């Protein structure tokens, strides 16, 4: 994984860089700052004095001296006041500054403490969520191993419990041995040709091959498989295959437009929706305006997050494009869990997907 939450003494980490919760002034503070200076030796303070003051949200490097690292990244994070003084933004800025500096120094491994969660008074649960989100977003685009080092037992317990509810949910809903029961296909006969009879699960307009590929966990199931001309004629009498496909696109776009209008009425701009979905403006406009364009299942799941849909609305949006929210897909179950818990954050969902070693949602 590109990052791990570990319980350890950060001064014992053997990495390219250790991030220090530095005092803005060139003095030794308490907590992690004191421990790092003690382990590194007096040369670290001398190097820190040469740097001078460091602004909140900034990070500066020195050699690591007696530590088992090459660099110390002196990073100034915010003091918690009341949550109304840009504390979250400044904390994210501090993480991003340290990460960017590590990349500039060509570090491949970096150890972070939980910034601001000690003597600076940041609530531990919020500090942990901000840390994991910032690190997760960064590692989507950079090849670097990050360790979030937590010494405090209470904070480490909190980290371990972040996904406990998710695990129970996925375990309860993802039952691989019931896949055939869910999709319910069995072989039958229709004259001389072999076909499938569907009991539940697959949408009426889905072909047999697609249903079987979903049931077997085939990656090709994520892309719509158009029916044969014969299937189209049987399902949509009087309509050509091309007309049937256009109808599917039209149905999806109409329902998506209705949902978007509802979000607009609640005060969200279109940009709020596609930013929350982590979908680019170009893709968003293509969905709205390009004739015949149908987005992928992954993109539709992200749009559901951007639109803040509930589970039933998500299922219907997928259905309009010929997809289903399937208990046989762990990705689907992870996304469903966060939708049910009204956590409409693609980056945070990607953190959970990464814990399961599953494909991440796209960040555009």
Protein backbone atom coordinates (compact mmCIF):
# COMPACT_ATOMS: atom_id res chain seq x y z
CA UNK A 1 0.00 0.00 0.00
CA UNK A 2 1.21 3.59 -0.56
CA UNK A 3 0.57 4.40 3.11
CA UNK A 4 0.22 2.60 6.40
CA UNK A 5 -0.96 3.58 9.86
CA UNK A 6 1.53 2.11 12.35
CA UNK A 7 2.04 2.28 16.09
CA UNK A 8 5.66 3.11 16.80
CA UNK A 9 8.06 5.69 18.14
CA UNK A 10 8.68 7.96 15.16
CA UNK A 11 12.32 8.47 16.17
CA UNK A 12 12.91 4.74 15.52
CA UNK A 13 11.55 4.78 11.97
CA UNK A 14 14.08 3.88 9.27
CA UNK A 15 12.90 6.07 6.40
CA UNK A 16 14.21 8.72 4.02
CA UNK A 17 12.47 11.53 5.90
CA UNK A 18 10.82 12.07 9.26
CA UNK A 19 8.27 14.86 9.57
CA UNK A 20 8.61 16.92 12.74
CA UNK A 21 5.80 18.92 14.34
CA UNK A 22 7.98 22.00 14.48
CA UNK A 23 7.52 25.12 16.56
CA UNK A 24 7.17 28.23 14.36
CA UNK A 25 10.18 29.70 16.21
CA UNK A 26 13.62 28.00 16.19
CA UNK A 27 13.18 26.48 19.63
CA UNK A 28 12.47 22.96 20.87
CA UNK A 29 8.81 22.40 21.65
CA UNK A 30 7.13 19.60 23.54
CA UNK A 31 5.91 16.16 22.49
CA UNK A 32 7.14 14.90 19.12
CA UNK A 33 9.36 17.95 18.55
CA UNK A 34 11.19 17.31 21.82
CA UNK A 35 11.57 13.57 21.13
CA UNK A 36 12.98 14.15 17.63
CA UNK A 37 15.49 16.75 18.80
CA UNK A 38 16.59 14.48 21.66
CA UNK A 39 17.16 11.53 19.32
CA UNK A 40 18.82 13.59 16.57
CA UNK A 41 21.28 15.41 18.82
CA UNK A 42 22.18 19.11 19.29
CA UNK A 43 23.13 19.57 15.62
CA UNK A 44 19.45 19.50 14.67
CA UNK A 45 18.67 22.60 16.76
CA UNK A 46 21.67 24.41 15.26
CA UNK A 47 20.39 23.66 11.76
CA UNK A 48 16.90 24.72 12.77
CA UNK A 49 18.22 28.07 14.08
CA UNK A 50 19.82 28.80 10.72
CA UNK A 51 16.39 28.48 9.09
CA UNK A 52 14.68 30.95 11.41
CA UNK A 53 10.91 31.26 11.71
CA UNK A 54 8.60 28.97 9.70
CA UNK A 55 5.04 30.00 8.84
CA UNK A 56 2.06 27.78 9.67
CA UNK A 57 1.44 25.39 6.79
CA UNK A 58 5.06 25.43 5.60
CA UNK A 59 7.79 22.77 5.70
CA UNK A 60 11.61 23.08 5.61
CA UNK A 61 14.23 20.32 5.49
CA UNK A 62 17.44 19.74 7.46
CA UNK A 63 19.70 16.70 7.78
CA UNK A 64 18.46 14.11 10.28
CA UNK A 65 21.78 13.72 12.14
CA UNK A 66 21.38 11.00 14.79
CA UNK A 67 18.03 9.73 13.50
CA UNK A 68 17.62 6.70 11.24
CA UNK A 69 16.68 8.94 8.36
CA UNK A 70 18.25 11.28 5.82
CA UNK A 71 16.09 14.33 6.45
CA UNK A 72 13.88 15.96 9.03
CA UNK A 73 11.01 17.92 7.47
CA UNK A 74 10.23 20.67 9.99
CA UNK A 75 6.52 21.27 9.43
CA UNK A 76 4.44 23.85 11.28
CA UNK A 77 0.83 22.82 11.75
CA UNK A 78 -1.99 24.89 13.27
CA UNK A 79 -3.02 25.21 16.90
CA UNK A 80 -6.67 24.25 17.43
CA UNK A 81 -8.80 27.16 18.59
CA UNK A 82 -12.44 26.49 17.87
CA UNK A 83 -12.60 25.12 14.34
CA UNK A 84 -13.57 28.52 12.96
CA UNK A 85 -10.06 29.79 12.17
CA UNK A 86 -9.22 27.74 9.06
CA UNK A 87 -7.64 25.01 11.18
CA UNK A 88 -8.63 22.21 8.78
CA UNK A 89 -7.36 24.08 5.72
CA UNK A 90 -4.07 24.94 7.46
CA UNK A 91 -3.58 21.35 8.60
CA UNK A 92 -4.11 20.02 5.09
CA UNK A 93 -1.70 22.67 3.83
CA UNK A 94 0.93 21.48 6.32
CA UNK A 95 0.62 17.87 5.14
CA UNK A 96 0.76 18.91 1.49
CA UNK A 97 3.82 21.09 2.09
CA UNK A 98 5.71 18.24 3.77
CA UNK A 99 4.70 15.76 1.07
CA UNK A 100 5.72 18.11 -1.74
CA UNK A 101 9.08 18.72 -0.06
CA UNK A 102 9.64 14.97 0.32
CA UNK A 103 9.05 14.47 -3.40
CA UNK A 104 11.38 17.37 -4.22
CA UNK A 105 14.08 15.67 -2.13
CA UNK A 106 13.41 12.39 -3.99
CA UNK A 107 12.35 10.59 -0.82
CA UNK A 108 10.74 7.21 -1.31
CA UNK A 109 9.67 6.66 2.32
CA UNK A 110 8.36 9.26 4.78
CA UNK A 111 7.11 8.96 8.36
CA UNK A 112 4.52 11.42 9.67
CA UNK A 113 3.32 11.94 13.21
CA UNK A 114 -0.32 12.89 13.68
CA UNK A 115 0.16 16.62 13.20
CA UNK A 116 -1.54 19.05 15.63
CA UNK A 117 -3.16 16.24 17.64
CA UNK A 118 -0.88 16.55 20.68
CA UNK A 119 -0.15 19.75 22.55
CA UNK A 120 -1.73 21.79 19.74
CA UNK A 121 -5.12 20.45 20.80
CA UNK A 122 -6.61 19.34 17.46
CA UNK A 123 -9.41 16.77 18.09
CA UNK A 124 -7.82 13.40 17.38
CA UNK A 125 -10.62 12.02 15.21
CA UNK A 126 -10.64 15.09 12.96
CA UNK A 127 -6.84 15.22 12.84
CA UNK A 128 -6.74 11.57 11.80
CA UNK A 129 -9.33 11.96 9.05
CA UNK A 130 -7.55 15.01 7.63
CA UNK A 131 -4.22 13.18 7.71
CA UNK A 132 -5.51 10.08 5.95
CA UNK A 133 -7.38 12.10 3.34
CA UNK A 134 -4.41 14.35 2.57
CA UNK A 135 -1.99 11.42 2.34
CA UNK A 136 -4.42 9.32 0.28
CA UNK A 137 -5.03 12.10 -2.24
CA UNK A 138 -1.31 12.73 -2.60
CA UNK A 139 -0.38 9.09 -3.10
CA UNK A 140 -2.91 8.73 -5.90
CA UNK A 141 -0.52 10.77 -8.04
CA UNK A 142 2.90 10.10 -6.51
CA UNK A 143 4.87 6.90 -5.96
CA UNK A 144 5.94 7.30 -2.35
CA UNK A 145 5.50 5.14 0.76
CA UNK A 146 3.99 7.04 3.68
CA UNK A 147 3.83 5.89 7.28
CA UNK A 148 1.42 7.64 9.61
CA UNK A 149 3.08 6.89 12.94
CA UNK A 150 0.80 6.98 15.97
CA UNK A 151 2.31 6.43 19.39
CA UNK A 152 -0.74 7.16 21.52
CA UNK A 153 -2.78 3.99 22.15
CA UNK A 154 -6.11 5.82 22.08
CA UNK A 155 -5.39 7.42 18.71
CA UNK A 156 -4.15 4.14 17.27
CA UNK A 157 -7.35 2.43 18.41
CA UNK A 158 -9.32 5.15 16.65
CA UNK A 159 -7.33 4.54 13.46
CA UNK A 160 -7.99 0.81 13.66
CA UNK A 161 -11.71 1.42 14.06
CA UNK A 162 -12.08 3.69 11.04
CA UNK A 163 -13.17 0.83 8.80
CA UNK A 164 -14.67 -1.61 11.28
CA UNK A 165 -18.24 -0.72 10.34
CA UNK A 166 -17.36 -0.99 6.67
CA UNK A 167 -15.87 -4.46 7.13
CA UNK A 168 -19.02 -5.74 8.82
CA UNK A 169 -21.17 -4.21 6.09
CA UNK A 170 -19.15 -5.72 3.25
CA UNK A 171 -18.91 -9.09 4.95
CA UNK A 172 -22.67 -9.15 5.47
CA UNK A 173 -23.54 -8.10 1.92
CA UNK A 174 -20.78 -9.57 -0.19
CA UNK A 175 -21.51 -13.30 -0.17
CA UNK A 176 -19.70 -14.75 -3.12
CA UNK A 177 -21.24 -18.20 -2.86
CA UNK A 178 -24.70 -16.65 -3.30
CA UNK A 179 -23.81 -15.01 -6.61
CA UNK A 180 -25.69 -17.56 -8.65
CA UNK A 181 -28.73 -17.15 -6.41
CA UNK A 182 -28.55 -13.39 -6.86
CA UNK A 183 -28.40 -13.49 -10.65
CA UNK A 184 -30.39 -16.70 -10.80
CA UNK A 185 -29.40 -17.88 -14.24
CA UNK A 186 -29.98 -21.47 -15.23
CA UNK A 187 -29.72 -23.17 -18.53
CA UNK A 188 -32.91 -23.74 -20.48
CA UNK A 189 -33.93 -24.58 -24.01
CA UNK A 190 -35.58 -22.41 -26.61
CA UNK A 191 -36.01 -24.61 -29.63
CA UNK A 192 -32.60 -25.86 -30.79
CA UNK A 193 -30.74 -22.96 -29.19
CA UNK A 194 -29.47 -22.83 -25.62
CA UNK A 195 -30.46 -19.72 -23.67
CA UNK A 196 -30.78 -18.42 -20.10
CA UNK A 197 -33.82 -17.81 -17.97
CA UNK A 198 -33.42 -15.02 -15.42
CA UNK A 199 -35.02 -15.07 -12.02
CA UNK A 200 -33.57 -11.93 -10.37
CA UNK A 201 -30.65 -9.54 -10.49
CA UNK A 202 -30.02 -8.74 -14.15
CA UNK A 203 -31.94 -5.96 -15.82
CA UNK A 204 -34.34 -7.07 -18.55
CA UNK A 205 -32.29 -5.54 -21.35
CA UNK A 206 -28.99 -7.16 -20.28
CA UNK A 207 -27.68 -9.99 -22.42
CA UNK A 208 -26.91 -13.46 -21.09
CA UNK A 209 -23.18 -13.03 -21.60
CA UNK A 210 -23.13 -9.88 -19.55
CA UNK A 211 -25.05 -11.46 -16.69
CA UNK A 212 -22.70 -14.40 -16.58
CA UNK A 213 -19.63 -12.14 -16.66
CA UNK A 214 -21.00 -10.17 -13.72
CA UNK A 215 -21.74 -13.34 -11.78
CA UNK A 216 -18.24 -14.66 -12.34
CA UNK A 217 -16.64 -11.38 -11.31
CA UNK A 218 -15.33 -10.65 -14.81
CA UNK A 219 -13.88 -7.16 -15.12
CA UNK A 220 -15.64 -6.80 -18.45
CA UNK A 221 -18.90 -6.55 -16.56
CA UNK A 222 -18.14 -2.92 -15.76
CA UNK A 223 -18.72 -1.96 -19.40
CA UNK A 224 -22.17 -2.14 -21.01
CA UNK A 225 -22.57 -5.08 -23.39
CA UNK A 226 -25.07 -4.27 -26.12
CA UNK A 227 -27.64 -6.96 -26.90
CA UNK A 228 -27.63 -8.75 -30.22
CA UNK A 229 -30.00 -7.58 -32.92
CA UNK A 230 -32.23 -10.56 -32.12
CA UNK A 231 -32.32 -9.72 -28.43
CA UNK A 232 -33.10 -6.07 -29.19
CA UNK A 233 -35.97 -7.06 -31.47
CA UNK A 234 -37.44 -9.32 -28.80
CA UNK A 235 -37.09 -6.80 -25.99
CA UNK A 236 -38.11 -3.72 -27.97
CA UNK A 237 -40.55 -4.70 -30.72
CA UNK A 238 -40.48 -2.27 -33.62
CA UNK A 239 -37.18 -0.68 -32.54
CA UNK A 240 -33.82 -1.15 -34.23
CA UNK A 241 -30.68 -1.89 -32.19
CA UNK A 242 -29.47 1.67 -32.72
CA UNK A 243 -32.81 3.10 -31.61
CA UNK A 244 -32.79 0.89 -28.52
CA UNK A 245 -29.30 2.10 -27.54
CA UNK A 246 -30.31 5.71 -28.09
CA UNK A 247 -33.34 5.16 -25.87
CA UNK A 248 -31.06 3.90 -23.06
CA UNK A 249 -28.85 7.00 -23.35
CA UNK A 250 -31.91 9.25 -23.46
CA UNK A 251 -33.41 7.64 -20.33
CA UNK A 252 -30.16 8.00 -18.41
CA UNK A 253 -29.59 11.62 -19.45
CA UNK A 254 -33.19 12.60 -18.59
CA UNK A 255 -33.01 11.11 -15.10
CA UNK A 256 -29.54 12.55 -14.51
CA UNK A 257 -30.84 15.97 -15.57
CA UNK A 258 -33.73 15.72 -13.10
CA UNK A 259 -31.38 14.85 -10.25
CA UNK A 260 -29.05 17.69 -11.20
CA UNK A 261 -31.94 20.16 -11.18
CA UNK A 262 -32.85 19.01 -7.66
CA UNK A 263 -29.26 19.63 -6.47
CA UNK A 264 -29.33 23.05 -8.13
CA UNK A 265 -32.57 23.86 -6.31
CA UNK A 266 -30.84 22.93 -3.02
CA UNK A 267 -28.08 25.44 -3.73
CA UNK A 268 -25.39 23.33 -5.42
CA UNK A 269 -23.88 24.60 -8.66
CA UNK A 270 -22.93 22.15 -11.40
CA UNK A 271 -19.29 22.70 -10.44
CA UNK A 272 -20.05 21.65 -6.87
CA UNK A 273 -21.46 18.38 -8.17
CA UNK A 274 -18.60 17.44 -10.51
CA UNK A 275 -15.93 18.54 -8.04
CA UNK A 276 -17.53 16.43 -5.28
CA UNK A 277 -17.72 13.54 -7.76
CA UNK A 278 -14.06 14.05 -8.79
CA UNK A 279 -15.24 14.08 -12.40
CA UNK A 280 -13.70 16.58 -14.82
CA UNK A 281 -15.80 19.40 -16.26
CA UNK A 282 -15.16 18.00 -19.75
CA UNK A 283 -16.60 14.59 -18.86
CA UNK A 284 -19.50 16.21 -17.01
CA UNK A 285 -20.37 18.35 -20.06
CA UNK A 286 -20.05 15.32 -22.33
CA UNK A 287 -22.62 13.48 -20.22
CA UNK A 288 -25.01 16.41 -20.46
CA UNK A 289 -24.54 17.32 -24.10
CA UNK A 290 -22.91 14.62 -26.26
CA UNK A 291 -25.47 12.61 -28.17
CA UNK A 292 -25.07 8.87 -27.74
CA UNK A 293 -22.56 9.13 -24.87
CA UNK A 294 -23.06 6.81 -21.89
CA UNK A 295 -20.55 7.02 -19.00
CA UNK A 296 -18.90 4.01 -17.35
CA UNK A 297 -20.29 2.42 -14.22
CA UNK A 298 -17.46 3.89 -12.13
CA UNK A 299 -18.25 7.39 -13.39
CA UNK A 300 -21.94 6.90 -12.58
CA UNK A 301 -21.07 5.83 -9.03
CA UNK A 302 -19.01 9.00 -8.68
CA UNK A 303 -21.89 11.08 -10.04
CA UNK A 304 -24.13 9.50 -7.39
CA UNK A 305 -21.68 10.77 -4.78
CA UNK A 306 -21.53 14.20 -6.40
CA UNK A 307 -25.33 14.39 -6.46
CA UNK A 308 -25.56 13.14 -2.84
CA UNK A 309 -28.01 10.42 -3.84
CA UNK A 310 -29.45 7.81 -1.51
CA UNK A 311 -29.11 4.11 -2.31
CA UNK A 312 -32.43 3.82 -4.18
CA UNK A 313 -31.62 6.83 -6.35
CA UNK A 314 -28.18 5.42 -7.05
CA UNK A 315 -29.65 2.08 -8.09
CA UNK A 316 -32.09 3.79 -10.45
CA UNK A 317 -29.38 6.00 -11.99
CA UNK A 318 -27.29 2.89 -12.66
CA UNK A 319 -30.31 1.04 -14.01
CA UNK A 320 -31.00 3.81 -16.52
CA UNK A 321 -27.56 3.07 -18.01
CA UNK A 322 -27.97 -0.72 -17.90
CA UNK A 323 -25.95 -1.37 -14.74
CA UNK A 324 -26.79 -2.68 -11.27
CA UNK A 325 -25.48 -2.06 -7.75
CA UNK A 326 -24.35 -5.60 -7.13
CA UNK A 327 -23.72 -7.44 -3.82
CA UNK A 328 -21.26 -9.59 -5.79
CA UNK A 329 -18.97 -6.57 -6.27
CA UNK A 330 -16.91 -5.46 -3.28
CA UNK A 331 -16.36 -2.06 -4.93
CA UNK A 332 -20.13 -1.61 -5.16
CA UNK A 333 -20.56 -2.58 -1.53
CA UNK A 334 -17.88 -0.17 -0.31
CA UNK A 335 -19.47 2.69 -2.26
CA UNK A 336 -22.93 1.71 -1.04
CA UNK A 337 -21.72 1.73 2.57
CA UNK A 338 -20.55 5.32 2.32
CA UNK A 339 -23.66 6.42 0.46
CA UNK A 340 -25.83 4.89 3.20
CA UNK A 341 -23.74 6.76 5.77
CA UNK A 342 -23.98 10.00 3.74
CA UNK A 343 -20.20 10.25 3.35
CA UNK A 344 -20.08 11.88 -0.07
CA UNK A 345 -16.32 12.08 -0.47
CA UNK A 346 -14.57 10.21 -3.30
CA UNK A 347 -11.14 10.56 -1.67
CA UNK A 348 -12.35 9.02 1.58
CA UNK A 349 -14.06 6.18 -0.29
CA UNK A 350 -10.76 5.55 -2.09
CA UNK A 351 -9.05 5.21 1.29
CA UNK A 352 -11.47 2.40 2.14
CA UNK A 353 -11.11 0.76 -1.29
CA UNK A 354 -7.35 0.80 -0.83
CA UNK A 355 -7.72 -1.00 2.51
CA UNK A 356 -9.43 -3.83 0.60
CA UNK A 357 -6.87 -3.71 -2.24
CA UNK A 358 -9.69 -2.84 -4.65
CA UNK A 359 -9.59 -0.60 -7.74
CA UNK A 360 -9.93 3.06 -6.78
CA UNK A 361 -12.49 5.48 -8.15
CA UNK A 362 -11.05 7.87 -10.70
CA UNK A 363 -9.78 11.31 -9.67
CA UNK A 364 -10.10 13.68 -12.66
